[in-house]
């Protein structure tokens, strides 16, 4: 039986300081189990359920707010680690020391909002208790993309809502962190109603009516904001869709049959270092067949009306000694067919780092427009040094073209480019292909450009500046991999591209300010207690 002295004010209701009453203690573990299970379905993997991303923090917050603080927060950390490991398994991420430790570290950062909520909100007012957790959630998502070598690959829930384009239009203002804020806000609103016990009549009648009035205000405010955002997003999709000129683009990956033949020569588990130690004449011949296939498919795409042609990541294999001769061939094909042609090349070097990941763009005159090195090699999987991180942009009759390579698109700051069409050669695998394509699509909405993404072994496609799918192709379903799309040539200017991560910085500043105020208040209370004693 709890007395009034045992009850602490949480800012969103009244929660017993030592946890729930004894008869309800078992419910804490049910809340933890529900939150953990839902978290497994909300890490943006193959088995995602969009609503799970909204419900998981509701139960985990309920668990963390009751019972002993240290115990609760450690269990939330364990849930986050389990979710991270599940994400690696369901997407077949290679479990190296770097990837495992990285995911566990990121999982630790995802627990920080629960720590802040538990330690700060008990002494805060209702508004702070409602908004601090979502602000901390968005701030920690942002910090992950800044300090982590994995970018938005893990721990940012916006991509779990990929089918809800009306909601996702908010990222054109806030970046991906606005969706996380809304999810966190929903969790605090649900817990406010939960803690207010508005359905109970065991307290004084005036307390019941006061709780109900406050709950209606809290729920109504959140619902109004969410509804307004959905209506605005729907209006943007309906009334401001791209309606100007389009250009026919083609993404090309090597035919499965020639890729299989190449693997038969260099080995299924080959690395650049292993290839460097093989018979170079045999390697050159095997690469030559793949490269000839790419050039042949490029000519066919041009004949079918493509004005822009791009290859998937590292589609062509070229020995360093053959680089100049090969690029002369590519330039000739671009010139003869009058296309913008981006060749994606794995350049094999005779010594460490043994490979470079390049893209070369040629214009319809055969002039080389750019060469770009991948800025973010995958930690633990790709050993070559990163490029300088300067995204090339060139004006063309079809708008401003730009390019990055695969994993680069998981870094929102790198992708904030003033372009009309973003070209993204990629190389995935079956388990992560659809997921990685959906993550990349967020960059289109954030920055207002169309995207052409060709992913060997995964899912290829194209997206308009508002995230609509213009074309899609699953590598596993065919031998030929030529994907045509009619892409808008004019992008839009978004708030996010102009102001960047201002929303995330505001969330970070607000969280820090709330912590400072909370610490100051507690010190003041201790001082008052000493003086009174």
Protein backbone atom coordinates (compact mmCIF):
# COMPACT_ATOMS: atom_id res chain seq x y z
CA UNK A 1 0.00 0.00 0.00
CA UNK A 2 1.62 3.27 -1.11
CA UNK A 3 1.21 6.43 0.90
CA UNK A 4 1.23 9.96 -0.44
CA UNK A 5 4.86 10.26 0.66
CA UNK A 6 5.79 7.28 -1.53
CA UNK A 7 4.44 8.91 -4.64
CA UNK A 8 6.69 11.05 -6.85
CA UNK A 9 5.49 13.51 -9.43
CA UNK A 10 6.64 12.40 -12.89
CA UNK A 11 5.28 15.39 -14.78
CA UNK A 12 2.88 13.19 -16.67
CA UNK A 13 1.11 11.50 -13.81
CA UNK A 14 1.85 9.92 -10.48
CA UNK A 15 4.23 6.99 -10.32
CA UNK A 16 5.19 5.14 -7.14
CA UNK A 17 8.81 5.88 -6.28
CA UNK A 18 9.64 2.23 -5.73
CA UNK A 19 7.79 0.97 -8.75
CA UNK A 20 4.26 -0.35 -9.21
CA UNK A 21 2.29 -1.92 -6.36
CA UNK A 22 3.34 -5.46 -5.52
CA UNK A 23 0.35 -6.98 -7.23
CA UNK A 24 1.33 -5.25 -10.47
CA UNK A 25 5.09 -5.82 -10.33
CA UNK A 26 4.82 -8.70 -12.79
CA UNK A 27 3.41 -6.34 -15.39
CA UNK A 28 6.79 -4.57 -15.61
CA UNK A 29 8.32 -7.65 -17.19
CA UNK A 30 5.39 -7.96 -19.57
CA UNK A 31 5.99 -4.37 -20.65
CA UNK A 32 9.69 -5.11 -21.13
CA UNK A 33 8.93 -8.24 -23.15
CA UNK A 34 6.42 -6.41 -25.35
CA UNK A 35 8.74 -3.47 -25.92
CA UNK A 36 11.68 -5.72 -26.76
CA UNK A 37 9.70 -7.89 -29.17
CA UNK A 38 8.32 -4.83 -30.93
CA UNK A 39 11.82 -3.36 -31.11
CA UNK A 40 12.97 -6.43 -33.05
CA UNK A 41 10.33 -5.55 -35.64
CA UNK A 42 11.34 -1.90 -35.83
CA UNK A 43 15.07 -1.86 -36.63
CA UNK A 44 14.49 -1.47 -40.37
CA UNK A 45 15.28 -4.97 -41.45
CA UNK A 46 13.50 -7.55 -43.56
CA UNK A 47 10.82 -8.26 -40.96
CA UNK A 48 9.83 -4.74 -40.04
CA UNK A 49 6.29 -3.81 -39.02
CA UNK A 50 5.81 -0.06 -39.26
CA UNK A 51 3.48 0.25 -36.25
CA UNK A 52 6.02 -1.58 -34.06
CA UNK A 53 8.29 1.47 -34.23
CA UNK A 54 5.53 3.52 -32.58
CA UNK A 55 4.57 0.97 -29.93
CA UNK A 56 7.95 -0.30 -28.77
CA UNK A 57 9.02 2.89 -26.91
CA UNK A 58 5.58 3.12 -25.29
CA UNK A 59 6.17 -0.13 -23.40
CA UNK A 60 9.89 0.39 -22.80
CA UNK A 61 9.25 3.86 -21.39
CA UNK A 62 6.57 2.42 -19.10
CA UNK A 63 9.06 -0.20 -17.92
CA UNK A 64 11.92 2.27 -17.42
CA UNK A 65 9.74 4.70 -15.46
CA UNK A 66 8.75 2.10 -12.85
CA UNK A 67 10.83 0.05 -10.48
CA UNK A 68 14.50 0.61 -9.61
CA UNK A 69 16.12 2.99 -12.08
CA UNK A 70 19.42 1.16 -12.60
CA UNK A 71 17.77 -2.20 -13.07
CA UNK A 72 15.25 -0.81 -15.54
CA UNK A 73 17.78 1.09 -17.62
CA UNK A 74 20.14 -1.89 -17.79
CA UNK A 75 17.30 -4.04 -19.09
CA UNK A 76 16.45 -1.43 -21.74
CA UNK A 77 20.12 -1.48 -22.75
CA UNK A 78 19.95 -5.28 -23.05
CA UNK A 79 16.85 -4.92 -25.23
CA UNK A 80 18.69 -2.47 -27.48
CA UNK A 81 21.67 -4.82 -27.81
CA UNK A 82 19.33 -7.69 -28.67
CA UNK A 83 17.60 -5.53 -31.30
CA UNK A 84 20.97 -4.66 -32.81
CA UNK A 85 22.06 -8.29 -33.02
CA UNK A 86 18.70 -9.23 -34.55
CA UNK A 87 19.14 -6.51 -37.17
CA UNK A 88 22.54 -7.92 -38.10
CA UNK A 89 21.13 -11.44 -38.43
CA UNK A 90 18.02 -10.54 -40.46
CA UNK A 91 19.99 -8.35 -42.86
CA UNK A 92 22.96 -10.76 -43.02
CA UNK A 93 25.46 -8.11 -41.92
CA UNK A 94 28.86 -9.84 -41.62
CA UNK A 95 29.62 -10.17 -37.91
CA UNK A 96 33.11 -8.80 -37.60
CA UNK A 97 34.53 -7.33 -34.39
CA UNK A 98 34.03 -3.82 -35.79
CA UNK A 99 30.40 -4.32 -36.84
CA UNK A 100 29.36 -6.11 -33.63
CA UNK A 101 31.03 -3.59 -31.32
CA UNK A 102 29.71 -0.75 -33.46
CA UNK A 103 26.10 -1.93 -33.24
CA UNK A 104 26.34 -2.50 -29.49
CA UNK A 105 27.83 0.98 -29.03
CA UNK A 106 25.03 2.51 -31.10
CA UNK A 107 22.53 0.52 -29.08
CA UNK A 108 23.98 2.11 -25.96
CA UNK A 109 23.34 5.56 -27.42
CA UNK A 110 19.71 4.65 -28.11
CA UNK A 111 19.22 4.07 -24.38
CA UNK A 112 20.30 7.61 -23.45
CA UNK A 113 16.78 9.07 -24.00
CA UNK A 114 15.41 6.58 -21.45
CA UNK A 115 18.12 7.59 -18.98
CA UNK A 116 17.32 11.27 -19.47
CA UNK A 117 13.60 10.65 -19.11
CA UNK A 118 14.00 8.65 -15.91
CA UNK A 119 16.42 11.02 -14.21
CA UNK A 120 15.12 14.42 -15.36
CA UNK A 121 11.35 14.25 -15.85
CA UNK A 122 10.37 13.39 -12.22
CA UNK A 123 11.19 16.96 -11.23
CA UNK A 124 9.93 18.55 -14.45
CA UNK A 125 6.64 20.01 -15.50
CA UNK A 126 4.20 18.33 -17.84
CA UNK A 127 5.45 20.02 -21.00
CA UNK A 128 9.06 19.03 -20.32
CA UNK A 129 8.07 15.48 -19.42
CA UNK A 130 6.19 15.18 -22.69
CA UNK A 131 8.82 16.70 -24.99
CA UNK A 132 12.15 15.81 -23.38
CA UNK A 133 12.13 12.14 -24.33
CA UNK A 134 11.32 12.79 -28.02
CA UNK A 135 13.90 15.59 -28.15
CA UNK A 136 16.54 13.31 -26.62
CA UNK A 137 15.55 10.54 -29.03
CA UNK A 138 15.99 12.80 -32.07
CA UNK A 139 19.22 14.25 -30.65
CA UNK A 140 20.74 10.80 -30.10
CA UNK A 141 19.75 9.68 -33.61
CA UNK A 142 21.55 12.74 -34.93
CA UNK A 143 24.63 12.10 -32.81
CA UNK A 144 24.78 8.56 -34.17
CA UNK A 145 25.05 9.86 -37.72
CA UNK A 146 27.74 12.34 -36.67
CA UNK A 147 30.05 10.12 -34.60
CA UNK A 148 29.25 6.69 -36.02
CA UNK A 149 30.93 5.15 -39.07
CA UNK A 150 27.55 3.57 -39.91
CA UNK A 151 25.56 6.76 -40.56
CA UNK A 152 21.81 6.12 -40.64
CA UNK A 153 22.25 2.41 -41.38
CA UNK A 154 21.10 1.54 -37.86
CA UNK A 155 19.14 3.29 -35.13
CA UNK A 156 17.19 5.87 -37.13
CA UNK A 157 13.53 4.79 -37.37
CA UNK A 158 12.39 7.09 -40.22
CA UNK A 159 12.99 4.37 -42.81
CA UNK A 160 10.65 1.99 -40.96
CA UNK A 161 7.83 4.25 -42.19
CA UNK A 162 8.87 4.02 -45.86
CA UNK A 163 5.36 3.18 -47.05
CA UNK A 164 3.86 6.31 -45.45
CA UNK A 165 4.95 8.98 -47.92
CA UNK A 166 2.63 11.61 -46.42
CA UNK A 167 4.37 11.28 -43.06
CA UNK A 168 7.84 11.12 -44.61
CA UNK A 169 7.46 14.53 -46.23
CA UNK A 170 8.34 15.96 -42.80
CA UNK A 171 11.97 14.93 -43.41
CA UNK A 172 12.17 17.63 -46.09
CA UNK A 173 12.14 20.05 -43.13
CA UNK A 174 13.62 18.17 -40.17
CA UNK A 175 15.79 15.53 -41.80
CA UNK A 176 15.13 11.92 -40.73
CA UNK A 177 15.12 12.96 -37.06
CA UNK A 178 11.65 14.51 -37.20
CA UNK A 179 10.05 11.07 -37.52
CA UNK A 180 11.92 9.83 -34.46
CA UNK A 181 10.73 12.89 -32.54
CA UNK A 182 7.10 12.11 -33.40
CA UNK A 183 7.52 8.48 -32.38
CA UNK A 184 9.04 9.54 -29.06
CA UNK A 185 6.29 12.10 -28.49
CA UNK A 186 3.64 9.43 -29.08
CA UNK A 187 5.34 7.32 -26.39
CA UNK A 188 5.23 10.10 -23.78
CA UNK A 189 1.62 10.95 -24.63
CA UNK A 190 0.58 7.30 -24.27
CA UNK A 191 2.41 7.08 -20.94
CA UNK A 192 0.79 10.30 -19.73
CA UNK A 193 -2.64 8.77 -20.30
CA UNK A 194 -1.43 5.50 -18.74
CA UNK A 195 -0.08 7.20 -15.61
CA UNK A 196 -3.09 9.51 -15.25
CA UNK A 197 -5.35 6.47 -14.80
CA UNK A 198 -8.24 8.37 -16.30
CA UNK A 199 -10.31 5.19 -16.49
CA UNK A 200 -10.16 4.64 -12.72
CA UNK A 201 -12.67 6.03 -10.22
CA UNK A 202 -10.94 5.09 -6.98
CA UNK A 203 -9.53 8.52 -6.29
CA UNK A 204 -11.41 11.68 -5.43
CA UNK A 205 -13.85 12.67 -8.16
CA UNK A 206 -12.27 16.11 -8.68
CA UNK A 207 -8.87 14.42 -9.22
CA UNK A 208 -10.40 12.07 -11.82
CA UNK A 209 -11.92 14.95 -13.78
CA UNK A 210 -8.70 16.96 -13.59
CA UNK A 211 -6.70 14.01 -14.90
CA UNK A 212 -9.16 13.49 -17.71
CA UNK A 213 -9.04 17.16 -18.68
CA UNK A 214 -5.25 17.18 -18.80
CA UNK A 215 -5.15 13.90 -20.72
CA UNK A 216 -7.56 15.27 -23.34
CA UNK A 217 -5.35 18.34 -23.75
CA UNK A 218 -2.19 16.26 -24.13
CA UNK A 219 -3.71 13.77 -26.57
CA UNK A 220 -5.47 16.52 -28.50
CA UNK A 221 -2.28 18.55 -28.93
CA UNK A 222 -0.29 15.59 -30.23
CA UNK A 223 -3.12 14.43 -32.50
CA UNK A 224 -3.54 17.92 -33.96
CA UNK A 225 0.17 18.20 -34.79
CA UNK A 226 0.33 14.72 -36.31
CA UNK A 227 -2.84 15.31 -38.34
CA UNK A 228 -1.52 18.66 -39.57
CA UNK A 229 1.76 17.05 -40.68
CA UNK A 230 -0.06 14.24 -42.48
CA UNK A 231 -2.37 16.70 -44.24
CA UNK A 232 0.57 18.90 -45.23
CA UNK A 233 2.48 15.88 -46.50
CA UNK A 234 -0.52 14.67 -48.45
CA UNK A 235 -1.03 18.13 -49.94
CA UNK A 236 2.64 18.27 -50.96
CA UNK A 237 2.29 14.94 -52.72
CA UNK A 238 -0.98 15.86 -54.40
CA UNK A 239 -0.43 19.47 -55.41
CA UNK A 240 3.33 19.89 -55.71
CA UNK A 241 4.36 16.73 -57.51
CA UNK A 242 7.10 17.09 -60.15
CA UNK A 243 5.40 17.96 -63.44
CA UNK A 244 8.19 19.25 -65.66
CA UNK A 245 10.39 17.54 -68.22
CA UNK A 246 11.76 14.06 -67.67
CA UNK A 247 14.82 12.25 -68.98
CA UNK A 248 15.10 8.56 -69.81
CA UNK A 249 17.75 6.98 -67.57
CA UNK A 250 19.12 3.44 -67.50
CA UNK A 251 20.85 1.65 -64.64
CA UNK A 252 22.92 -1.37 -65.63
CA UNK A 253 24.47 -4.26 -63.72
CA UNK A 254 26.41 -7.06 -65.44
CA UNK A 255 24.35 -10.05 -66.54
CA UNK A 256 24.19 -12.69 -63.83
CA UNK A 257 25.70 -15.26 -66.18
CA UNK A 258 28.87 -13.25 -66.83
CA UNK A 259 29.22 -12.39 -63.15
CA UNK A 260 28.98 -16.10 -62.33
CA UNK A 261 31.66 -16.83 -64.90
CA UNK A 262 33.93 -14.19 -63.36
CA UNK A 263 33.46 -15.71 -59.91
CA UNK A 264 34.48 -19.03 -61.35
CA UNK A 265 37.84 -17.54 -62.29
CA UNK A 266 38.68 -15.34 -59.30
CA UNK A 267 36.76 -17.31 -56.65
CA UNK A 268 33.52 -16.73 -54.74
CA UNK A 269 35.22 -15.28 -51.67
CA UNK A 270 37.88 -13.34 -53.52
CA UNK A 271 39.36 -10.18 -52.08
CA UNK A 272 41.38 -7.56 -53.98
CA UNK A 273 44.52 -8.86 -52.29
CA UNK A 274 43.80 -12.42 -53.40
CA UNK A 275 43.05 -11.29 -56.94
CA UNK A 276 46.35 -9.38 -57.03
CA UNK A 277 48.14 -12.66 -56.36
CA UNK A 278 46.42 -14.58 -59.17
CA UNK A 279 47.50 -14.98 -62.79
CA UNK A 280 46.92 -11.47 -64.15
CA UNK A 281 46.37 -12.61 -67.71
CA UNK A 282 43.47 -14.83 -66.59
CA UNK A 283 42.06 -12.06 -64.41
CA UNK A 284 42.30 -9.56 -67.27
CA UNK A 285 40.42 -11.92 -69.59
CA UNK A 286 37.67 -12.55 -67.03
CA UNK A 287 37.26 -8.83 -66.35
CA UNK A 288 37.20 -8.21 -70.09
CA UNK A 289 34.09 -10.36 -70.55
CA UNK A 290 32.20 -8.50 -67.84
CA UNK A 291 33.28 -5.12 -69.16
CA UNK A 292 32.29 -6.04 -72.71
CA UNK A 293 28.86 -7.03 -71.39
CA UNK A 294 28.46 -3.64 -69.68
CA UNK A 295 29.44 -1.72 -72.81
CA UNK A 296 27.08 -3.83 -74.93
CA UNK A 297 24.16 -3.22 -72.54
CA UNK A 298 25.01 0.49 -72.56
CA UNK A 299 24.73 0.65 -76.35
CA UNK A 300 21.39 -1.18 -76.20
CA UNK A 301 20.09 1.20 -73.54
CA UNK A 302 21.09 4.20 -75.64
CA UNK A 303 19.29 2.72 -78.65
CA UNK A 304 16.23 2.31 -76.42
CA UNK A 305 16.23 6.04 -75.69
CA UNK A 306 18.34 6.40 -72.56
CA UNK A 307 20.09 9.76 -72.26
CA UNK A 308 21.77 8.97 -68.94
CA UNK A 309 23.35 5.57 -68.30
CA UNK A 310 24.98 4.46 -65.05
CA UNK A 311 26.46 1.19 -63.83
CA UNK A 312 26.16 -0.46 -60.43
CA UNK A 313 28.98 -0.12 -57.92
CA UNK A 314 32.27 -1.72 -59.03
CA UNK A 315 30.46 -3.28 -61.98
CA UNK A 316 33.60 -3.18 -64.12
CA UNK A 317 36.85 -4.77 -62.98
CA UNK A 318 39.99 -3.11 -64.33
CA UNK A 319 43.65 -3.73 -63.61
CA UNK A 320 45.54 -0.51 -62.86
CA UNK A 321 47.73 -1.01 -65.92
CA UNK A 322 44.60 -1.13 -68.12
CA UNK A 323 42.78 1.88 -66.65
CA UNK A 324 43.59 4.39 -69.40
CA UNK A 325 42.72 2.00 -72.23
CA UNK A 326 39.44 1.00 -70.59
CA UNK A 327 38.38 4.60 -69.97
CA UNK A 328 39.08 5.35 -73.64
CA UNK A 329 36.56 2.64 -74.51
CA UNK A 330 33.99 4.11 -72.15
CA UNK A 331 34.51 7.61 -73.55
CA UNK A 332 34.06 6.28 -77.08
CA UNK A 333 30.76 4.57 -76.19
CA UNK A 334 29.47 7.78 -74.56
CA UNK A 335 30.47 9.83 -77.61
CA UNK A 336 29.18 7.39 -80.24
CA UNK A 337 25.81 7.04 -78.51
CA UNK A 338 25.43 10.64 -77.33
CA UNK A 339 24.80 9.77 -73.67
CA UNK A 340 25.99 10.77 -70.25
CA UNK A 341 27.69 7.58 -69.10
CA UNK A 342 28.88 6.90 -65.58
CA UNK A 343 31.17 3.89 -65.36
CA UNK A 344 31.58 2.36 -61.89
CA UNK A 345 34.93 0.60 -61.61
CA UNK A 346 36.77 -1.62 -59.18
CA UNK A 347 40.33 -0.60 -59.95
CA UNK A 348 42.71 -3.43 -58.96
CA UNK A 349 46.09 -2.25 -57.68
CA UNK A 350 49.26 -4.37 -57.49
CA UNK A 351 49.92 -3.44 -53.84
CA UNK A 352 48.05 -2.28 -50.73
CA UNK A 353 45.28 -1.18 -50.51
CA UNK A 354 44.90 -3.40 -53.65
CA UNK A 355 41.70 -1.69 -54.84
CA UNK A 356 40.01 1.66 -55.41
CA UNK A 357 36.29 2.26 -55.79
CA UNK A 358 35.79 4.85 -58.55
CA UNK A 359 33.04 6.26 -60.71
CA UNK A 360 33.87 8.13 -63.92
CA UNK A 361 31.32 10.32 -65.66
CA UNK A 362 31.62 11.06 -69.41
CA UNK A 363 29.44 13.51 -71.31
CA UNK A 364 28.02 12.96 -74.83
CA UNK A 365 31.20 14.35 -76.38
CA UNK A 366 33.31 11.74 -74.61
CA UNK A 367 34.83 14.27 -72.18
CA UNK A 368 35.46 13.06 -68.64
CA UNK A 369 33.33 15.16 -66.29
CA UNK A 370 34.39 13.70 -62.96
CA UNK A 371 36.05 10.88 -61.12
CA UNK A 372 34.67 10.16 -57.65
CA UNK A 373 36.01 7.93 -54.87
CA UNK A 374 33.68 6.37 -52.33
CA UNK A 375 33.72 8.61 -49.26
CA UNK A 376 32.51 6.01 -46.74
CA UNK A 377 33.97 2.52 -47.24
CA UNK A 378 32.02 0.04 -45.09
CA UNK A 379 33.86 -0.41 -41.77
CA UNK A 380 35.34 -3.88 -41.46
CA UNK A 381 34.44 -4.88 -45.02
CA UNK A 382 36.17 -2.41 -47.35
CA UNK A 383 39.84 -1.67 -46.65
CA UNK A 384 40.60 1.00 -49.25
CA UNK A 385 41.04 4.62 -48.11
CA UNK A 386 38.00 6.94 -48.31
CA UNK A 387 37.65 9.68 -50.89
CA UNK A 388 37.65 13.36 -50.05
CA UNK A 389 33.87 13.51 -49.52
CA UNK A 390 33.33 16.23 -52.11
CA UNK A 391 30.22 15.28 -54.09
CA UNK A 392 30.66 16.24 -57.75
CA UNK A 393 27.86 18.20 -59.44
CA UNK A 394 27.72 19.09 -63.12
CA UNK A 395 25.10 21.07 -65.09
CA UNK A 396 23.58 19.28 -68.08
CA UNK A 397 20.57 19.76 -70.36
CA UNK A 398 18.83 17.32 -67.99
CA UNK A 399 19.48 19.26 -64.81
CA UNK A 400 22.37 19.14 -62.36
CA UNK A 401 23.75 15.63 -62.03
CA UNK A 402 25.60 14.44 -58.91
CA UNK A 403 26.88 11.14 -57.61
CA UNK A 404 27.83 9.21 -54.49
CA UNK A 405 28.47 5.48 -54.05
CA UNK A 406 26.23 3.06 -52.13
CA UNK A 407 26.99 3.40 -48.38
CA UNK A 408 27.64 7.12 -48.87
CA UNK A 409 23.87 7.58 -49.09
CA UNK A 410 23.56 6.58 -45.42
CA UNK A 411 25.12 9.92 -44.40
CA UNK A 412 22.59 12.79 -44.64
CA UNK A 413 25.21 15.53 -44.32
CA UNK A 414 27.15 14.23 -47.34
CA UNK A 415 23.92 14.00 -49.33
CA UNK A 416 22.89 17.63 -48.79
CA UNK A 417 23.71 18.61 -52.35
CA UNK A 418 22.12 21.20 -54.63
CA UNK A 419 21.32 18.81 -57.48
CA UNK A 420 18.38 17.69 -59.61
CA UNK A 421 19.34 14.05 -60.12
CA UNK A 422 21.48 11.99 -57.74
CA UNK A 423 23.18 8.93 -59.26
CA UNK A 424 23.91 6.17 -56.75
CA UNK A 425 25.73 3.05 -57.93
CA UNK A 426 25.40 0.36 -55.26
CA UNK A 427 26.33 -3.22 -54.48
CA UNK A 428 24.18 -5.00 -51.89
CA UNK A 429 23.09 -8.53 -51.14
CA UNK A 430 19.68 -10.18 -51.14
CA UNK A 431 18.87 -9.73 -47.44
CA UNK A 432 19.71 -6.03 -47.27
CA UNK A 433 18.85 -4.95 -50.82
CA UNK A 434 15.26 -3.70 -50.31
CA UNK A 435 16.13 -2.18 -46.92
CA UNK A 436 19.12 -0.25 -48.24
CA UNK A 437 17.14 1.08 -51.18
CA UNK A 438 14.43 2.38 -48.83
CA UNK A 439 17.01 4.16 -46.66
CA UNK A 440 18.52 5.84 -49.72
CA UNK A 441 15.09 7.04 -50.81
CA UNK A 442 14.89 9.25 -47.72
CA UNK A 443 17.72 11.35 -49.13
CA UNK A 444 15.55 12.19 -52.15
CA UNK A 445 12.79 13.59 -49.95
CA UNK A 446 15.22 15.42 -47.66
CA UNK A 447 17.01 17.20 -50.48
CA UNK A 448 14.40 17.47 -53.22
CA UNK A 449 16.22 15.59 -55.99
CA UNK A 450 15.38 12.52 -58.02
CA UNK A 451 17.56 9.47 -57.47
CA UNK A 452 18.71 6.70 -59.78
CA UNK A 453 20.06 3.79 -57.73
CA UNK A 454 21.45 0.69 -59.42
CA UNK A 455 22.28 -2.05 -56.91
CA UNK A 456 23.97 -5.24 -58.07
CA UNK A 457 22.80 -8.27 -56.04
CA UNK A 458 20.07 -6.15 -54.41
CA UNK A 459 17.17 -3.90 -55.43
CA UNK A 460 17.62 -1.22 -58.08
CA UNK A 461 15.27 1.60 -58.94
CA UNK A 462 14.56 5.27 -59.24
CA UNK A 463 12.69 7.77 -57.04
CA UNK A 464 11.27 11.21 -57.62
CA UNK A 465 12.04 14.16 -55.29
CA UNK A 466 9.08 13.27 -53.07
CA UNK A 467 10.02 9.62 -52.66
CA UNK A 468 7.70 7.98 -55.19
CA UNK A 469 9.12 4.83 -56.74
CA UNK A 470 9.55 5.38 -60.49
CA UNK A 471 11.13 2.00 -61.23
CA UNK A 472 12.22 -1.08 -59.30
CA UNK A 473 14.14 -4.23 -60.13
CA UNK A 474 15.11 -7.20 -57.95
CA UNK A 475 18.46 -8.64 -58.96
CA UNK A 476 17.42 -12.16 -57.98
CA UNK A 477 14.57 -12.29 -60.49
CA UNK A 478 16.40 -12.11 -63.84
CA UNK A 479 19.66 -12.61 -65.72
CA UNK A 480 19.69 -9.17 -67.37
CA UNK A 481 19.70 -6.11 -65.17
CA UNK A 482 18.88 -3.01 -67.20
CA UNK A 483 16.44 -0.71 -65.38
CA UNK A 484 14.79 2.15 -67.30
CA UNK A 485 13.12 5.11 -65.63
CA UNK A 486 11.78 8.50 -66.69
CA UNK A 487 13.23 10.86 -64.12
CA UNK A 488 12.25 14.51 -63.47
CA UNK A 489 14.98 16.87 -64.60
CA UNK A 490 14.16 19.58 -62.09
CA UNK A 491 14.41 19.12 -58.35
CA UNK A 492 12.94 21.24 -55.58
CA UNK A 493 14.52 23.30 -52.85
CA UNK A 494 13.71 21.85 -49.43
CA UNK A 495 13.99 23.46 -46.02
CA UNK A 496 16.31 20.67 -44.89
CA UNK A 497 18.75 21.21 -47.74
CA UNK A 498 18.95 24.91 -46.85
CA UNK A 499 19.07 24.80 -43.03
CA UNK A 500 20.58 21.34 -42.61
CA UNK A 501 20.30 19.72 -39.21
CA UNK A 502 18.88 22.76 -37.43
CA UNK A 503 15.99 20.71 -36.00
CA UNK A 504 18.38 18.09 -34.64
CA UNK A 505 20.62 20.76 -33.10
CA UNK A 506 17.56 22.33 -31.43
CA UNK A 507 16.63 18.95 -29.97
CA UNK A 508 20.17 18.49 -28.73
CA UNK A 509 20.28 21.99 -27.21
CA UNK A 510 16.87 21.53 -25.59
CA UNK A 511 17.90 18.21 -24.06
CA UNK A 512 21.11 19.69 -22.68
CA UNK A 513 19.26 22.69 -21.27
CA UNK A 514 16.70 20.47 -19.52
CA UNK A 515 19.50 18.44 -17.94
CA UNK A 516 21.28 21.57 -16.71
CA UNK A 517 18.07 23.01 -15.23
CA UNK A 518 17.28 19.69 -13.53
CA UNK A 519 20.75 19.50 -11.95
CA UNK A 520 20.49 23.10 -10.79
CA UNK A 521 17.07 22.51 -9.20
CA UNK A 522 18.27 19.43 -7.35
CA UNK A 523 21.28 21.25 -5.97
CA UNK A 524 19.03 24.12 -4.86
CA UNK A 525 16.70 21.69 -3.07
CA UNK A 526 19.65 20.06 -1.30
CA UNK A 527 20.87 23.49 -0.20
CA UNK A 528 17.40 24.40 1.07
CA UNK A 529 17.18 21.10 2.97
CA UNK A 530 20.54 21.69 4.66
CA UNK A 531 19.55 25.22 5.68
CA UNK A 532 16.17 24.02 6.96
CA UNK A 533 17.90 21.30 8.96
